[in-house]
C-alpha atoms as a PDB file:
ATOM      1  CA  MET A   1      59.735 119.422   6.738  1.00  0.00           C
ATOM      2  CA  PRO A   2      58.596 119.243   3.077  1.00  0.00           C
ATOM      3  CA  ALA A   3      54.825 119.152   2.627  1.00  0.00           C
ATOM      4  CA  ASP A   4      54.698 115.858   0.752  1.00  0.00           C
ATOM      5  CA  THR A   5      56.516 113.543   3.131  1.00  0.00           C
ATOM      6  CA  PHE A   6      55.348 110.670   5.280  1.00  0.00           C
ATOM      7  CA  ALA A   7      55.919 112.872   8.354  1.00  0.00           C
ATOM      8  CA  ALA A   8      53.737 115.696   7.014  1.00  0.00           C
ATOM      9  CA  ARG A   9      50.981 113.340   5.899  1.00  0.00           C
ATOM     10  CA  LEU A  10      50.936 111.552   9.252  1.00  0.00           C
ATOM     11  CA  LEU A  11      50.731 114.842  11.148  1.00  0.00           C
ATOM     12  CA  ALA A  12      47.928 116.115   8.885  1.00  0.00           C
ATOM     13  CA  ALA A  13      45.982 112.851   9.208  1.00  0.00           C
ATOM     14  CA  ARG A  14      46.344 112.804  12.999  1.00  0.00           C
ATOM     15  CA  ARG A  15      45.224 116.426  13.343  1.00  0.00           C
ATOM     16  CA  GLY A  16      42.417 115.866  10.835  1.00  0.00           C
ATOM     17  CA  ALA A  17      41.184 112.947  12.919  1.00  0.00           C
ATOM     18  CA  GLY A  18      41.295 115.119  16.034  1.00  0.00           C
ATOM     19  CA  LEU A  19      43.689 112.764  17.822  1.00  0.00           C
ATOM     20  CA  SER A  20      46.475 113.570  20.228  1.00  0.00           C
ATOM     21  CA  VAL A  21      49.836 111.845  19.870  1.00  0.00           C
ATOM     22  CA  SER A  22      48.971 109.779  22.946  1.00  0.00           C
ATOM     23  CA  GLU A  23      45.608 108.700  21.554  1.00  0.00           C
ATOM     24  CA  LEU A  24      47.059 107.746  18.162  1.00  0.00           C
ATOM     25  CA  ALA A  25      49.831 105.806  19.898  1.00  0.00           C
ATOM     26  CA  ARG A  26      47.280 103.942  21.992  1.00  0.00           C
ATOM     27  CA  ARG A  27      45.036 103.120  19.018  1.00  0.00           C
ATOM     28  CA  ALA A  28      47.964 101.964  16.872  1.00  0.00           C
ATOM     29  CA  SER A  29      49.699 100.065  19.717  1.00  0.00           C
ATOM     30  CA  LEU A  30      52.828 102.177  19.280  1.00  0.00           C
ATOM     31  CA  SER A  31      54.709 104.410  21.705  1.00  0.00           C
ATOM     32  CA  ARG A  32      54.297 108.187  21.876  1.00  0.00           C
ATOM     33  CA  GLN A  33      58.001 108.431  21.106  1.00  0.00           C
ATOM     34  CA  GLN A  34      57.557 106.458  17.871  1.00  0.00           C
ATOM     35  CA  ILE A  35      54.737 108.740  16.747  1.00  0.00           C
ATOM     36  CA  GLY A  36      56.823 111.806  17.633  1.00  0.00           C
ATOM     37  CA  ASN A  37      59.807 110.450  15.699  1.00  0.00           C
ATOM     38  CA  TYR A  38      57.628 109.696  12.671  1.00  0.00           C
ATOM     39  CA  GLU A  39      56.037 113.164  12.703  1.00  0.00           C
ATOM     40  CA  ALA A  40      59.424 114.862  13.117  1.00  0.00           C
ATOM     41  CA  GLY A  41      60.840 112.870  10.191  1.00  0.00           C
ATOM     42  CA  ARG A  42      63.479 111.219  12.365  1.00  0.00           C
ATOM     43  CA  SER A  43      62.354 107.693  11.495  1.00  0.00           C
ATOM     44  CA  GLU A  44      59.915 105.842   9.275  1.00  0.00           C
ATOM     45  CA  PRO A  45      57.586 103.006  10.262  1.00  0.00           C
ATOM     46  CA  THR A  46      57.796  99.358   9.399  1.00  0.00           C
ATOM     47  CA  VAL A  47      55.113  98.031   7.075  1.00  0.00           C
ATOM     48  CA  SER A  48      53.294  96.608  10.095  1.00  0.00           C
ATOM     49  CA  SER A  49      53.385  99.936  11.957  1.00  0.00           C
ATOM     50  CA  LEU A  50      52.271 101.775   8.820  1.00  0.00           C
ATOM     51  CA  ALA A  51      49.240  99.489   8.533  1.00  0.00           C
ATOM     52  CA  ARG A  52      48.369 100.020  12.213  1.00  0.00           C
ATOM     53  CA  LEU A  53      48.679 103.798  11.825  1.00  0.00           C
ATOM     54  CA  ALA A  54      46.388 103.825   8.789  1.00  0.00           C
ATOM     55  CA  LEU A  55      43.824 101.678  10.600  1.00  0.00           C
ATOM     56  CA  ALA A  56      43.958 103.892  13.706  1.00  0.00           C
ATOM     57  CA  LEU A  57      43.556 107.029  11.571  1.00  0.00           C
ATOM     58  CA  GLY A  58      40.819 105.575   9.356  1.00  0.00           C
ATOM     59  CA  CYS A  59      42.718 106.334   6.169  1.00  0.00           C
ATOM     60  CA  PRO A  60      44.234 104.192   3.433  1.00  0.00           C
ATOM     61  CA  VAL A  61      47.911 103.280   3.741  1.00  0.00           C
ATOM     62  CA  ALA A  62      48.392 104.881   0.319  1.00  0.00           C
ATOM     63  CA  TYR A  63      47.454 108.290   1.751  1.00  0.00           C
ATOM     64  CA  LEU A  64      50.326 108.146   4.237  1.00  0.00           C
ATOM     65  CA  VAL A  65      52.936 107.125   1.653  1.00  0.00           C
ATOM     66  CA  PRO A  66      53.889 109.919  -0.753  1.00  0.00           C
ATOM     67  CA  ILE A  67      54.649 109.038  -4.354  1.00  0.00           C
ATOM     68  CA  SER A  68      58.203 109.908  -5.330  1.00  0.00           C
ATOM     69  CA  GLU A  69      59.071 111.397  -8.687  1.00  0.00           C
ATOM     70  CA  LYS A  70      62.525 109.831  -8.388  1.00  0.00           C
ATOM     71  CA  PRO A  71      63.022 106.308  -9.727  1.00  0.00           C
ATOM     72  CA  VAL A  72      63.436 103.725  -7.006  1.00  0.00           C
ATOM     73  CA  GLU A  73      66.467 101.500  -7.286  1.00  0.00           C
ATOM     74  CA  ILE A  74      65.627  97.878  -6.551  1.00  0.00           C
ATOM     75  CA  PRO A  75      68.546  95.504  -6.168  1.00  0.00           C
ATOM     76  CA  ILE A  76      68.328  92.408  -8.308  1.00  0.00           C
ATOM     77  CA  VAL A  77      68.457  89.245  -6.265  1.00  0.00           C
ATOM     78  CA  GLN A  78      69.758  86.094  -7.891  1.00  0.00           C
ATOM     79  CA  LYS A  79      67.696  82.961  -7.501  1.00  0.00           C
ATOM     80  CA  SER A  80      69.049  80.639  -4.905  1.00  0.00           C
ATOM     81  CA  ALA A  81      69.285  76.918  -5.446  1.00  0.00           C
ATOM     82  CA  GLN A  82      66.562  76.455  -2.863  1.00  0.00           C
ATOM     83  CA  LEU A  83      64.116  78.710  -4.735  1.00  0.00           C
ATOM     84  CA  GLU A  84      64.763  76.878  -7.995  1.00  0.00           C
ATOM     85  CA  ARG A  85      63.358  73.734  -6.386  1.00  0.00           C
ATOM     86  CA  TYR A  86      59.941  75.389  -6.283  1.00  0.00           C
ATOM     87  CA  PRO A  87      59.020  76.374  -9.862  1.00  0.00           C
ATOM     88  CA  VAL A  88      56.291  78.912 -10.300  1.00  0.00           C
END
């Protein structure tokens, strides 16, 4: 697994905090399997799970999320008629 991935950062943060997978799972209200999948790079957390992991580890969310050098493609969403009823 590349060194600057979510999986690598999560593993480093967990080990740095001296927590077992079971203890991190308990503190973050996630399953051991989820933590294992995240650390193995098989899946990535939801925003909610990411926030709970950061809180359980005592680190900022930004630490767990690596910055990509690649541009991120964001699809453009057209305004719906319903949104136009609520001007900003």
